[in-house]
Amino acid sequence: MAGSVSLVINGRRVAARAGQTLLEAGLASGRAIPHDCATGQCDTCRVRVYSGTVDDAGTRVGDTVLACRARLMTETVIEFDEVPDTVRRSGTVGSVVPLTPDIVEVTVRLRKPLASLPGQYVRVTFPGCPPRDYSPTLRTDGSGELNELIFQIRRLNGGAVSSRLGERIGAGSDVKVEGPFGHAFHRLGRGRLVVVAAGVGFAPAWAVARASRLREPERDLVVVAGARHAHNLYMRPALEWLRDRGATTILTCSGANPPEDARPGRPTQHLPFLAPTDTVITAGGSEMVAAVQFIAAAAGATCYADPFYSAARAETAKLPGELNFIQRLLQRVSGPQTPKSQPLT
């Protein structure tokens, strides 16, 4: 495929070549489309196609495609959500506070604030450790300062980073941060917002849900959150804050002997019936997130996903780009071909 075509990105016309990916064309013209992995996994580069024909490489959801995979075929008009620029910041750990026996809250104090949208994530590097992706949030009481990044992190036995939190990594430790990244952030809207989270996936979910209550208090909001084990249900104060402000909140526990205030089972078992006018944001273990994506797609609802993969398996968890959307969802849910993430609940 060869020849010049016209590409319009957020109202700006640029020259491109047939066969280029939308991302390549944007970068070549100086009109960068937000992106991170550039392999079709993170969903950061999802754009809306208003006119024209693209080879979507199996990434189409409604009128959107992934810019890193979709290739130009004819004159095309696309649009993406404007997000803060990706920057690098440095700072120090202010505190590491246990929330549960498995989950810690890490506060990072930056020398210069980093702008991000509620629900986005950043790449964090502690001295002597590999980089990790974490979602900034607020404390469960809703507090947080502009120069702070607050993370809720599950400690994994043998984890190259998480097992050191509160031990080798503590107050005063240096931190480098890059971001923001991610597409599963809060957007103003008219239809119902349904937020679904498991385990520490509640960190970005809490940021999104709280932003919705403050920015659009009249919008219908349903929050379904849970954990595998009752002792990891750290999100109760945040859910109470949301409930006091008119949100419908559901707490779940999929392990044995769920507490009285939690429904038995996984969050996906307690979703409301979805409609095409709903917007769904989901975060947590990749299998739970894929299940929510599948349910939302079946209902015609708009869904933004933030799947969590264990760092040890992140590279091997990448899926072939030529698979279509439903195939990729089914493979994430149950396919044995690709190693799955460690449970994050």
C-alpha atoms as a PDB file:
ATOM      1  CA  MET A   1       0.000   0.000   0.000  1.00  0.00           C
ATOM      2  CA  ALA A   2       1.504   3.378  -0.991  1.00  0.00           C
ATOM      3  CA  GLY A   3       0.543   6.970  -1.703  1.00  0.00           C
ATOM      4  CA  SER A   4      -0.216  10.112   0.239  1.00  0.00           C
ATOM      5  CA  VAL A   5      -3.420  10.542   2.183  1.00  0.00           C
ATOM      6  CA  SER A   6      -4.780  13.291   4.371  1.00  0.00           C
ATOM      7  CA  LEU A   7      -5.226  12.759   8.095  1.00  0.00           C
ATOM      8  CA  VAL A   8      -7.085  15.175  10.368  1.00  0.00           C
ATOM      9  CA  ILE A   9      -6.162  14.884  14.059  1.00  0.00           C
ATOM     10  CA  ASN A  10      -8.267  16.922  16.489  1.00  0.00           C
ATOM     11  CA  GLY A  11      -9.089  19.402  13.734  1.00  0.00           C
ATOM     12  CA  ARG A  12      -5.543  19.723  12.365  1.00  0.00           C
ATOM     13  CA  ARG A  13      -4.806  18.382   8.873  1.00  0.00           C
ATOM     14  CA  VAL A  14      -1.481  16.614   8.408  1.00  0.00           C
ATOM     15  CA  ALA A  15       0.186  14.765   5.518  1.00  0.00           C
ATOM     16  CA  ALA A  16       0.499  10.996   5.897  1.00  0.00           C
ATOM     17  CA  ARG A  17       1.108   7.848   3.878  1.00  0.00           C
ATOM     18  CA  ALA A  18      -1.305   5.004   3.279  1.00  0.00           C
ATOM     19  CA  GLY A  19      -0.215   2.026   5.327  1.00  0.00           C
ATOM     20  CA  GLN A  20       1.134   4.069   8.239  1.00  0.00           C
ATOM     21  CA  THR A  21      -0.411   3.497  11.632  1.00  0.00           C
ATOM     22  CA  LEU A  22      -2.318   6.484  12.958  1.00  0.00           C
ATOM     23  CA  LEU A  23       0.267   6.774  15.721  1.00  0.00           C
ATOM     24  CA  GLU A  24       3.182   6.772  13.252  1.00  0.00           C
ATOM     25  CA  ALA A  25       1.501   9.386  11.086  1.00  0.00           C
ATOM     26  CA  GLY A  26       0.798  11.606  14.062  1.00  0.00           C
ATOM     27  CA  LEU A  27       4.351  11.387  15.394  1.00  0.00           C
ATOM     28  CA  ALA A  28       5.870  12.036  11.949  1.00  0.00           C
ATOM     29  CA  SER A  29       3.790  15.198  11.598  1.00  0.00           C
ATOM     30  CA  GLY A  30       4.496  16.502  15.079  1.00  0.00           C
ATOM     31  CA  ARG A  31       0.948  15.770  16.261  1.00  0.00           C
ATOM     32  CA  ALA A  32       1.592  13.149  18.931  1.00  0.00           C
ATOM     33  CA  ILE A  33      -1.329  10.937  19.908  1.00  0.00           C
ATOM     34  CA  PRO A  34      -1.151   9.941  23.604  1.00  0.00           C
ATOM     35  CA  HIS A  35       0.431   6.478  23.858  1.00  0.00           C
ATOM     36  CA  ASP A  36       2.464   4.248  26.119  1.00  0.00           C
ATOM     37  CA  CYS A  37       3.178   0.623  25.164  1.00  0.00           C
ATOM     38  CA  ALA A  38       2.576   1.054  21.389  1.00  0.00           C
ATOM     39  CA  THR A  39       1.797  -2.689  21.176  1.00  0.00           C
ATOM     40  CA  GLY A  40      -1.991  -2.636  21.542  1.00  0.00           C
ATOM     41  CA  GLN A  41      -2.175  -3.571  25.222  1.00  0.00           C
ATOM     42  CA  CYS A  42      -2.564  -0.403  27.303  1.00  0.00           C
ATOM     43  CA  ASP A  43      -5.458   1.271  25.402  1.00  0.00           C
ATOM     44  CA  THR A  44      -3.824   4.680  25.930  1.00  0.00           C
ATOM     45  CA  CYS A  45      -3.868   5.497  22.190  1.00  0.00           C
ATOM     46  CA  ARG A  46      -7.542   4.747  21.525  1.00  0.00           C
ATOM     47  CA  VAL A  47      -9.006   7.364  19.177  1.00  0.00           C
ATOM     48  CA  ARG A  48     -12.415   8.010  17.602  1.00  0.00           C
ATOM     49  CA  VAL A  49     -12.710   7.692  13.817  1.00  0.00           C
ATOM     50  CA  TYR A  50     -15.205  10.230  12.463  1.00  0.00           C
ATOM     51  CA  SER A  51     -14.736   9.560   8.757  1.00  0.00           C
ATOM     52  CA  GLY A  52     -12.529   7.593   6.420  1.00  0.00           C
ATOM     53  CA  THR A  53     -11.431   3.978   6.262  1.00  0.00           C
ATOM     54  CA  VAL A  54      -8.715   2.383   8.377  1.00  0.00           C
ATOM     55  CA  ASP A  55      -7.474  -1.176   8.780  1.00  0.00           C
ATOM     56  CA  ASP A  56      -8.335  -1.469  12.465  1.00  0.00           C
ATOM     57  CA  ALA A  57      -6.268  -4.661  13.069  1.00  0.00           C
ATOM     58  CA  GLY A  58      -9.066  -6.050  15.203  1.00  0.00           C
ATOM     59  CA  THR A  59      -8.991  -3.170  17.696  1.00  0.00           C
ATOM     60  CA  ARG A  60     -12.289  -1.493  16.800  1.00  0.00           C
ATOM     61  CA  VAL A  61     -14.746  -0.874  19.624  1.00  0.00           C
ATOM     62  CA  GLY A  62     -17.713   1.157  18.425  1.00  0.00           C
ATOM     63  CA  ASP A  63     -16.259   4.087  16.493  1.00  0.00           C
ATOM     64  CA  THR A  64     -12.851   3.845  18.197  1.00  0.00           C
ATOM     65  CA  VAL A  65      -9.601   2.078  17.258  1.00  0.00           C
ATOM     66  CA  LEU A  66      -6.087   1.804  18.696  1.00  0.00           C
ATOM     67  CA  ALA A  67      -3.842   4.283  16.898  1.00  0.00           C
ATOM     68  CA  CYS A  68      -0.756   2.106  17.360  1.00  0.00           C
ATOM     69  CA  ARG A  69      -2.357  -0.751  15.373  1.00  0.00           C
ATOM     70  CA  ALA A  70      -4.859   0.851  12.971  1.00  0.00           C
ATOM     71  CA  ARG A  71      -3.431   1.745   9.551  1.00  0.00           C
ATOM     72  CA  LEU A  72      -4.494   4.476   7.156  1.00  0.00           C
ATOM     73  CA  MET A  73      -6.264   3.486   3.948  1.00  0.00           C
ATOM     74  CA  THR A  74      -8.094   6.656   2.866  1.00  0.00           C
ATOM     75  CA  GLU A  75      -8.489  10.247   4.005  1.00  0.00           C
ATOM     76  CA  THR A  76      -9.395   9.948   7.677  1.00  0.00           C
ATOM     77  CA  VAL A  77     -10.581  12.210  10.480  1.00  0.00           C
ATOM     78  CA  ILE A  78      -9.838  11.179  14.073  1.00  0.00           C
ATOM     79  CA  GLU A  79     -10.082  12.681  17.525  1.00  0.00           C
ATOM     80  CA  PHE A  80      -8.585  11.819  20.894  1.00  0.00           C
ATOM     81  CA  ASP A  81      -9.131  13.098  24.430  1.00  0.00           C
ATOM     82  CA  GLU A  82      -6.622  15.785  25.354  1.00  0.00           C
ATOM     83  CA  VAL A  83      -4.541  14.641  28.316  1.00  0.00           C
ATOM     84  CA  PRO A  84      -1.667  16.197  30.277  1.00  0.00           C
ATOM     85  CA  ASP A  85       1.758  15.891  28.694  1.00  0.00           C
ATOM     86  CA  THR A  86       3.989  13.048  29.823  1.00  0.00           C
ATOM     87  CA  VAL A  87       6.725  14.449  32.066  1.00  0.00           C
ATOM     88  CA  ARG A  88       9.393  13.234  34.456  1.00  0.00           C
ATOM     89  CA  ARG A  89       9.494  14.186  38.099  1.00  0.00           C
ATOM     90  CA  SER A  90      11.615  13.368  41.129  1.00  0.00           C
ATOM     91  CA  GLY A  91      10.769  13.232  44.798  1.00  0.00           C
ATOM     92  CA  THR A  92      11.004  11.227  47.985  1.00  0.00           C
ATOM     93  CA  VAL A  93       8.846   8.759  49.859  1.00  0.00           C
ATOM     94  CA  GLY A  94       6.936  10.549  52.591  1.00  0.00           C
ATOM     95  CA  SER A  95       5.452   7.487  54.269  1.00  0.00           C
ATOM     96  CA  VAL A  96       4.579   3.822  53.864  1.00  0.00           C
ATOM     97  CA  VAL A  97       1.463   2.998  55.882  1.00  0.00           C
ATOM     98  CA  PRO A  98      -0.083  -0.493  56.156  1.00  0.00           C
ATOM     99  CA  LEU A  99      -3.773  -0.511  55.182  1.00  0.00           C
ATOM    100  CA  THR A 100      -4.185  -4.282  55.543  1.00  0.00           C
ATOM    101  CA  PRO A 101      -1.756  -7.173  56.143  1.00  0.00           C
ATOM    102  CA  ASP A 102      -1.221  -7.271  52.348  1.00  0.00           C
ATOM    103  CA  ILE A 103      -1.733  -3.689  51.160  1.00  0.00           C
ATOM    104  CA  VAL A 104       0.304  -0.563  51.897  1.00  0.00           C
ATOM    105  CA  GLU A 105      -0.327   3.082  51.139  1.00  0.00           C
ATOM    106  CA  VAL A 106       2.752   4.843  49.794  1.00  0.00           C
ATOM    107  CA  THR A 107       2.892   8.642  49.743  1.00  0.00           C
ATOM    108  CA  VAL A 108       5.435  10.220  47.394  1.00  0.00           C
ATOM    109  CA  ARG A 109       6.267  13.910  47.757  1.00  0.00           C
ATOM    110  CA  LEU A 110       7.284  15.437  44.453  1.00  0.00           C
ATOM    111  CA  ARG A 111       9.611  18.400  44.067  1.00  0.00           C
ATOM    112  CA  LYS A 112       7.289  19.669  41.337  1.00  0.00           C
ATOM    113  CA  PRO A 113       3.633  18.628  40.878  1.00  0.00           C
ATOM    114  CA  LEU A 114       2.685  16.205  38.109  1.00  0.00           C
ATOM    115  CA  ALA A 115      -0.611  16.858  36.351  1.00  0.00           C
ATOM    116  CA  SER A 116      -2.789  13.807  35.655  1.00  0.00           C
ATOM    117  CA  LEU A 117      -6.445  12.962  35.181  1.00  0.00           C
ATOM    118  CA  PRO A 118      -8.275  10.849  37.786  1.00  0.00           C
ATOM    119  CA  GLY A 119      -7.740   7.198  36.820  1.00  0.00           C
ATOM    120  CA  GLN A 120      -4.464   7.597  34.919  1.00  0.00           C
ATOM    121  CA  TYR A 121      -1.261   5.851  36.008  1.00  0.00           C
ATOM    122  CA  VAL A 122       2.432   6.724  36.262  1.00  0.00           C
ATOM    123  CA  ARG A 123       5.699   4.802  36.036  1.00  0.00           C
ATOM    124  CA  VAL A 124       7.571   4.785  39.343  1.00  0.00           C
ATOM    125  CA  THR A 125      11.222   3.874  39.919  1.00  0.00           C
ATOM    126  CA  PHE A 126      12.776   3.423  43.363  1.00  0.00           C
ATOM    127  CA  PRO A 127      16.597   3.188  43.711  1.00  0.00           C
ATOM    128  CA  GLY A 128      17.912  -0.241  42.747  1.00  0.00           C
ATOM    129  CA  CYS A 129      14.472  -1.411  41.592  1.00  0.00           C
ATOM    130  CA  PRO A 130      12.879  -1.923  38.185  1.00  0.00           C
ATOM    131  CA  PRO A 131      10.158   0.574  37.176  1.00  0.00           C
ATOM    132  CA  ARG A 132       6.561  -0.224  38.090  1.00  0.00           C
ATOM    133  CA  ASP A 133       3.221   1.254  37.001  1.00  0.00           C
ATOM    134  CA  TYR A 134       0.988   2.546  39.798  1.00  0.00           C
ATOM    135  CA  SER A 135      -2.216   4.604  39.819  1.00  0.00           C
ATOM    136  CA  PRO A 136      -2.235   7.825  41.853  1.00  0.00           C
ATOM    137  CA  THR A 137      -5.265   8.094  44.077  1.00  0.00           C
ATOM    138  CA  LEU A 138      -6.431   9.697  47.308  1.00  0.00           C
ATOM    139  CA  ARG A 139      -6.401   8.352  50.809  1.00  0.00           C
ATOM    140  CA  THR A 140      -9.602   6.559  51.693  1.00  0.00           C
ATOM    141  CA  ASP A 141     -10.675   9.645  53.668  1.00  0.00           C
ATOM    142  CA  GLY A 142     -10.336  11.709  50.481  1.00  0.00           C
ATOM    143  CA  SER A 143      -7.236  13.646  51.505  1.00  0.00           C
ATOM    144  CA  GLY A 144      -4.185  14.401  49.361  1.00  0.00           C
ATOM    145  CA  GLU A 145      -1.977  17.352  48.408  1.00  0.00           C
ATOM    146  CA  LEU A 146      -1.049  18.736  44.982  1.00  0.00           C
ATOM    147  CA  ASN A 147       2.611  17.771  45.374  1.00  0.00           C
ATOM    148  CA  GLU A 148       1.765  14.257  46.581  1.00  0.00           C
ATOM    149  CA  LEU A 149       1.214  11.032  44.730  1.00  0.00           C
ATOM    150  CA  ILE A 150      -0.615   8.444  46.816  1.00  0.00           C
ATOM    151  CA  PHE A 151      -0.443   4.784  45.816  1.00  0.00           C
ATOM    152  CA  GLN A 152      -2.237   1.748  47.245  1.00  0.00           C
ATOM    153  CA  ILE A 153      -0.053  -1.264  46.519  1.00  0.00           C
ATOM    154  CA  ARG A 154      -0.427  -4.931  47.241  1.00  0.00           C
ATOM    155  CA  ARG A 155       2.753  -6.483  48.622  1.00  0.00           C
ATOM    156  CA  LEU A 156       3.656  -9.745  46.899  1.00  0.00           C
ATOM    157  CA  ASN A 157       5.976 -12.313  48.416  1.00  0.00           C
ATOM    158  CA  GLY A 158       9.228 -12.120  46.479  1.00  0.00           C
ATOM    159  CA  GLY A 159       8.111  -9.011  44.595  1.00  0.00           C
ATOM    160  CA  ALA A 160      11.116  -7.106  43.267  1.00  0.00           C
ATOM    161  CA  VAL A 161       9.564  -3.834  44.418  1.00  0.00           C
ATOM    162  CA  SER A 162       6.446  -4.429  46.524  1.00  0.00           C
ATOM    163  CA  SER A 163       8.189  -6.731  49.021  1.00  0.00           C
ATOM    164  CA  ARG A 164      10.635  -3.915  49.832  1.00  0.00           C
ATOM    165  CA  LEU A 165       7.963  -1.330  50.651  1.00  0.00           C
ATOM    166  CA  GLY A 166       8.174  -0.406  54.321  1.00  0.00           C
ATOM    167  CA  GLU A 167      11.546  -2.114  54.608  1.00  0.00           C
ATOM    168  CA  ARG A 168      14.306  -1.097  52.172  1.00  0.00           C
ATOM    169  CA  ILE A 169      11.948   1.460  50.660  1.00  0.00           C
ATOM    170  CA  GLY A 170      10.655   3.854  53.296  1.00  0.00           C
ATOM    171  CA  ALA A 171      10.407   7.507  54.302  1.00  0.00           C
ATOM    172  CA  GLY A 172      13.187   9.473  52.653  1.00  0.00           C
ATOM    173  CA  SER A 173      13.802   7.038  49.777  1.00  0.00           C
ATOM    174  CA  ASP A 174      14.360   8.734  46.424  1.00  0.00           C
ATOM    175  CA  VAL A 175      11.728   8.279  43.698  1.00  0.00           C
ATOM    176  CA  LYS A 176      11.580   8.994  39.977  1.00  0.00           C
ATOM    177  CA  VAL A 177       8.188   9.255  38.293  1.00  0.00           C
ATOM    178  CA  GLU A 178       7.174   9.411  34.630  1.00  0.00           C
ATOM    179  CA  GLY A 179       3.673   9.974  33.308  1.00  0.00           C
ATOM    180  CA  PRO A 180       0.780  10.228  33.171  1.00  0.00           C
ATOM    181  CA  PHE A 181      -0.399   7.349  30.998  1.00  0.00           C
ATOM    182  CA  GLY A 182      -3.674   5.531  30.514  1.00  0.00           C
ATOM    183  CA  HIS A 183      -7.079   5.973  28.933  1.00  0.00           C
ATOM    184  CA  ALA A 184      -9.366   4.892  31.795  1.00  0.00           C
ATOM    185  CA  PHE A 185      -9.779   8.345  33.299  1.00  0.00           C
ATOM    186  CA  HIS A 186     -12.818  10.336  34.393  1.00  0.00           C
ATOM    187  CA  ARG A 187     -14.758  12.072  31.645  1.00  0.00           C
ATOM    188  CA  LEU A 188     -17.787  14.283  32.111  1.00  0.00           C
ATOM    189  CA  GLY A 189     -20.955  12.655  30.791  1.00  0.00           C
ATOM    190  CA  ARG A 190     -24.720  12.445  30.974  1.00  0.00           C
ATOM    191  CA  GLY A 191     -25.324   8.727  31.139  1.00  0.00           C
ATOM    192  CA  ARG A 192     -24.806   6.569  34.199  1.00  0.00           C
ATOM    193  CA  LEU A 193     -21.211   5.959  35.310  1.00  0.00           C
ATOM    194  CA  VAL A 194     -20.472   2.428  36.529  1.00  0.00           C
ATOM    195  CA  VAL A 195     -17.107   1.916  38.255  1.00  0.00           C
ATOM    196  CA  VAL A 196     -15.946  -1.660  38.897  1.00  0.00           C
ATOM    197  CA  ALA A 197     -12.788  -2.556  40.825  1.00  0.00           C
ATOM    198  CA  ALA A 198     -11.129  -5.483  42.530  1.00  0.00           C
ATOM    199  CA  GLY A 199      -8.313  -5.346  45.075  1.00  0.00           C
ATOM    200  CA  VAL A 200      -5.936  -2.420  44.628  1.00  0.00           C
ATOM    201  CA  GLY A 201      -7.720  -1.687  41.371  1.00  0.00           C
ATOM    202  CA  PHE A 202      -9.810   0.392  43.741  1.00  0.00           C
ATOM    203  CA  ALA A 203      -7.035   3.028  43.707  1.00  0.00           C
ATOM    204  CA  PRO A 204      -7.843   4.434  40.239  1.00  0.00           C
ATOM    205  CA  ALA A 205     -11.535   3.583  40.693  1.00  0.00           C
ATOM    206  CA  TRP A 206     -11.685   5.730  43.842  1.00  0.00           C
ATOM    207  CA  ALA A 207     -10.005   8.627  42.014  1.00  0.00           C
ATOM    208  CA  VAL A 208     -12.552   8.388  39.184  1.00  0.00           C
ATOM    209  CA  ALA A 209     -15.605   7.982  41.425  1.00  0.00           C
ATOM    210  CA  ARG A 210     -14.630  10.847  43.717  1.00  0.00           C
ATOM    211  CA  ALA A 211     -13.993  13.139  40.744  1.00  0.00           C
ATOM    212  CA  SER A 212     -17.428  12.289  39.396  1.00  0.00           C
ATOM    213  CA  ARG A 213     -19.154  13.166  42.663  1.00  0.00           C
ATOM    214  CA  LEU A 214     -17.328  16.495  42.882  1.00  0.00           C
ATOM    215  CA  ARG A 215     -17.551  17.503  39.204  1.00  0.00           C
ATOM    216  CA  GLU A 216     -20.984  16.092  38.281  1.00  0.00           C
ATOM    217  CA  PRO A 217     -22.932  15.453  41.500  1.00  0.00           C
ATOM    218  CA  GLU A 218     -26.227  14.880  39.677  1.00  0.00           C
ATOM    219  CA  ARG A 219     -24.892  12.061  37.515  1.00  0.00           C
ATOM    220  CA  ASP A 220     -25.981   8.534  38.437  1.00  0.00           C
ATOM    221  CA  LEU A 221     -22.990   6.664  39.852  1.00  0.00           C
ATOM    222  CA  VAL A 222     -22.690   2.977  40.726  1.00  0.00           C
ATOM    223  CA  VAL A 223     -19.491   1.671  42.339  1.00  0.00           C
ATOM    224  CA  VAL A 224     -18.864  -2.064  42.718  1.00  0.00           C
ATOM    225  CA  ALA A 225     -15.662  -2.914  44.587  1.00  0.00           C
ATOM    226  CA  GLY A 226     -14.327  -5.944  46.351  1.00  0.00           C
ATOM    227  CA  ALA A 227     -11.473  -8.232  47.252  1.00  0.00           C
ATOM    228  CA  ARG A 228     -10.813 -11.918  47.487  1.00  0.00           C
ATOM    229  CA  HIS A 229     -10.125 -11.870  51.219  1.00  0.00           C
ATOM    230  CA  ALA A 230     -12.157  -9.967  53.800  1.00  0.00           C
ATOM    231  CA  HIS A 231      -9.051  -8.499  55.439  1.00  0.00           C
ATOM    232  CA  ASN A 232      -8.233  -6.646  52.189  1.00  0.00           C
ATOM    233  CA  LEU A 233     -11.517  -4.715  52.059  1.00  0.00           C
ATOM    234  CA  TYR A 234      -9.719  -1.469  52.812  1.00  0.00           C
ATOM    235  CA  MET A 235     -12.074   0.659  50.707  1.00  0.00           C
ATOM    236  CA  ARG A 236     -14.945   0.935  53.204  1.00  0.00           C
ATOM    237  CA  PRO A 237     -14.340   4.608  54.237  1.00  0.00           C
ATOM    238  CA  ALA A 238     -14.193   5.681  50.589  1.00  0.00           C
ATOM    239  CA  LEU A 239     -17.387   3.807  49.740  1.00  0.00           C
ATOM    240  CA  GLU A 240     -19.103   5.419  52.713  1.00  0.00           C
ATOM    241  CA  TRP A 241     -18.035   8.869  51.450  1.00  0.00           C
ATOM    242  CA  LEU A 242     -19.508   8.074  48.043  1.00  0.00           C
ATOM    243  CA  ARG A 243     -22.698   6.629  49.512  1.00  0.00           C
ATOM    244  CA  ASP A 244     -23.233   9.728  51.649  1.00  0.00           C
ATOM    245  CA  ARG A 245     -23.145  11.755  48.438  1.00  0.00           C
ATOM    246  CA  GLY A 246     -25.766   9.762  46.588  1.00  0.00           C
ATOM    247  CA  ALA A 247     -23.766   7.029  44.879  1.00  0.00           C
ATOM    248  CA  THR A 248     -24.925   3.420  44.828  1.00  0.00           C
ATOM    249  CA  THR A 249     -22.113   1.345  46.332  1.00  0.00           C
ATOM    250  CA  ILE A 250     -21.686  -2.433  46.460  1.00  0.00           C
ATOM    251  CA  LEU A 251     -18.967  -4.211  48.449  1.00  0.00           C
ATOM    252  CA  THR A 252     -18.084  -7.799  47.540  1.00  0.00           C
ATOM    253  CA  CYS A 253     -15.851 -10.569  48.865  1.00  0.00           C
ATOM    254  CA  SER A 254     -15.144 -13.688  46.818  1.00  0.00           C
ATOM    255  CA  GLY A 255     -13.348 -15.651  49.536  1.00  0.00           C
ATOM    256  CA  ALA A 256     -14.773 -17.783  52.309  1.00  0.00           C
ATOM    257  CA  ASN A 257     -16.919 -16.242  55.057  1.00  0.00           C
ATOM    258  CA  PRO A 258     -17.595 -12.780  53.595  1.00  0.00           C
ATOM    259  CA  PRO A 259     -18.388 -10.109  56.205  1.00  0.00           C
ATOM    260  CA  GLU A 260     -21.980  -9.036  56.771  1.00  0.00           C
ATOM    261  CA  ASP A 261     -21.563  -5.776  54.858  1.00  0.00           C
ATOM    262  CA  ALA A 262     -20.196  -7.497  51.734  1.00  0.00           C
ATOM    263  CA  ARG A 263     -21.951  -9.585  49.119  1.00  0.00           C
ATOM    264  CA  PRO A 264     -20.426 -12.993  48.370  1.00  0.00           C
ATOM    265  CA  GLY A 265     -18.667 -13.421  45.028  1.00  0.00           C
ATOM    266  CA  ARG A 266     -16.738 -11.300  42.592  1.00  0.00           C
ATOM    267  CA  PRO A 267     -17.633  -7.763  41.494  1.00  0.00           C
ATOM    268  CA  THR A 268     -18.743  -9.053  38.083  1.00  0.00           C
ATOM    269  CA  GLN A 269     -21.517 -11.049  39.772  1.00  0.00           C
ATOM    270  CA  HIS A 270     -23.094  -7.876  41.137  1.00  0.00           C
ATOM    271  CA  LEU A 271     -23.004  -5.511  38.181  1.00  0.00           C
ATOM    272  CA  PRO A 272     -26.224  -3.655  37.421  1.00  0.00           C
ATOM    273  CA  PHE A 273     -27.889  -4.365  34.097  1.00  0.00           C
ATOM    274  CA  LEU A 274     -25.953  -2.220  31.639  1.00  0.00           C
ATOM    275  CA  ALA A 275     -27.410  -0.061  28.879  1.00  0.00           C
ATOM    276  CA  PRO A 276     -25.860   1.503  25.757  1.00  0.00           C
ATOM    277  CA  THR A 277     -25.972   4.900  27.472  1.00  0.00           C
ATOM    278  CA  ASP A 278     -23.762   3.707  30.358  1.00  0.00           C
ATOM    279  CA  THR A 279     -20.069   4.406  30.705  1.00  0.00           C
ATOM    280  CA  VAL A 280     -18.072   1.733  32.537  1.00  0.00           C
ATOM    281  CA  ILE A 281     -14.618   2.143  34.057  1.00  0.00           C
ATOM    282  CA  THR A 282     -12.969  -0.970  35.434  1.00  0.00           C
ATOM    283  CA  ALA A 283      -9.626  -1.647  37.122  1.00  0.00           C
ATOM    284  CA  GLY A 284      -7.977  -4.629  38.777  1.00  0.00           C
ATOM    285  CA  GLY A 285      -6.814  -8.111  37.835  1.00  0.00           C
ATOM    286  CA  SER A 286      -6.751  -8.687  34.082  1.00  0.00           C
ATOM    287  CA  GLU A 287      -9.291 -11.532  34.102  1.00  0.00           C
ATOM    288  CA  MET A 288     -11.863  -9.555  36.078  1.00  0.00           C
ATOM    289  CA  VAL A 289     -11.339  -6.522  33.862  1.00  0.00           C
ATOM    290  CA  ALA A 290     -11.723  -8.612  30.687  1.00  0.00           C
ATOM    291  CA  ALA A 291     -14.974 -10.050  32.020  1.00  0.00           C
ATOM    292  CA  VAL A 292     -16.333  -6.546  32.662  1.00  0.00           C
ATOM    293  CA  GLN A 293     -15.240  -5.476  29.160  1.00  0.00           C
ATOM    294  CA  PHE A 294     -17.087  -8.433  27.680  1.00  0.00           C
ATOM    295  CA  ILE A 295     -20.290  -7.674  29.622  1.00  0.00           C
ATOM    296  CA  ALA A 296     -20.115  -3.992  28.655  1.00  0.00           C
ATOM    297  CA  ALA A 297     -19.508  -4.826  24.987  1.00  0.00           C
ATOM    298  CA  ALA A 298     -22.496  -7.186  24.953  1.00  0.00           C
ATOM    299  CA  ALA A 299     -24.685  -4.385  26.328  1.00  0.00           C
ATOM    300  CA  GLY A 300     -23.312  -1.782  23.926  1.00  0.00           C
ATOM    301  CA  ALA A 301     -21.945   0.296  26.817  1.00  0.00           C
ATOM    302  CA  THR A 302     -18.772   2.352  26.551  1.00  0.00           C
ATOM    303  CA  CYS A 303     -15.987   0.783  28.606  1.00  0.00           C
ATOM    304  CA  TYR A 304     -12.548   2.037  29.645  1.00  0.00           C
ATOM    305  CA  ALA A 305     -10.289  -0.569  31.189  1.00  0.00           C
ATOM    306  CA  ASP A 306      -7.180  -0.567  33.366  1.00  0.00           C
ATOM    307  CA  PRO A 307      -6.029  -4.208  33.695  1.00  0.00           C
ATOM    308  CA  PHE A 308      -3.324  -4.940  36.254  1.00  0.00           C
ATOM    309  CA  TYR A 309      -0.633  -7.461  35.317  1.00  0.00           C
ATOM    310  CA  SER A 310       2.076  -8.758  37.648  1.00  0.00           C
ATOM    311  CA  ALA A 311       5.431  -7.331  36.600  1.00  0.00           C
ATOM    312  CA  ALA A 312       7.004 -10.770  36.262  1.00  0.00           C
ATOM    313  CA  ARG A 313       4.514 -11.707  33.556  1.00  0.00           C
ATOM    314  CA  ALA A 314       3.863  -8.369  31.916  1.00  0.00           C
ATOM    315  CA  GLU A 315       6.013  -9.064  28.886  1.00  0.00           C
ATOM    316  CA  THR A 316       4.712 -12.579  28.258  1.00  0.00           C
ATOM    317  CA  ALA A 317       1.132 -11.379  28.715  1.00  0.00           C
ATOM    318  CA  LYS A 318       1.231  -9.387  25.488  1.00  0.00           C
ATOM    319  CA  LEU A 319      -1.311 -10.634  22.992  1.00  0.00           C
ATOM    320  CA  PRO A 320      -1.035 -10.849  19.208  1.00  0.00           C
ATOM    321  CA  GLY A 321      -2.295  -7.680  17.550  1.00  0.00           C
ATOM    322  CA  GLU A 322      -4.062  -9.509  14.750  1.00  0.00           C
ATOM    323  CA  LEU A 323      -6.653 -11.029  17.077  1.00  0.00           C
ATOM    324  CA  ASN A 324      -9.981  -9.253  17.055  1.00  0.00           C
ATOM    325  CA  PHE A 325     -11.444  -7.584  20.130  1.00  0.00           C
ATOM    326  CA  ILE A 326     -13.657 -10.471  21.257  1.00  0.00           C
ATOM    327  CA  GLN A 327     -10.867 -13.012  20.695  1.00  0.00           C
ATOM    328  CA  ARG A 328      -8.508 -10.974  22.834  1.00  0.00           C
ATOM    329  CA  LEU A 329     -11.107 -10.691  25.583  1.00  0.00           C
ATOM    330  CA  LEU A 330     -11.779 -14.419  25.587  1.00  0.00           C
ATOM    331  CA  GLN A 331      -8.067 -15.190  25.609  1.00  0.00           C
ATOM    332  CA  ARG A 332      -7.532 -12.898  28.572  1.00  0.00           C
ATOM    333  CA  VAL A 333     -10.402 -14.521  30.445  1.00  0.00           C
ATOM    334  CA  SER A 334      -9.704 -18.194  29.850  1.00  0.00           C
ATOM    335  CA  GLY A 335      -7.143 -18.906  27.154  1.00  0.00           C
ATOM    336  CA  PRO A 336      -4.188 -21.075  28.223  1.00  0.00           C
ATOM    337  CA  GLN A 337      -1.874 -19.799  25.490  1.00  0.00           C
ATOM    338  CA  THR A 338      -0.786 -16.674  27.352  1.00  0.00           C
ATOM    339  CA  PRO A 339       0.462 -16.588  30.968  1.00  0.00           C
ATOM    340  CA  LYS A 340      -1.922 -14.597  33.147  1.00  0.00           C
ATOM    341  CA  SER A 341      -1.231 -12.041  35.824  1.00  0.00           C
ATOM    342  CA  GLN A 342      -0.982 -12.920  39.454  1.00  0.00           C
ATOM    343  CA  PRO A 343      -4.262 -12.309  41.304  1.00  0.00           C
ATOM    344  CA  LEU A 344      -4.319  -8.748  42.610  1.00  0.00           C
ATOM    345  CA  THR A 345      -7.238  -9.095  44.996  1.00  0.00           C
END
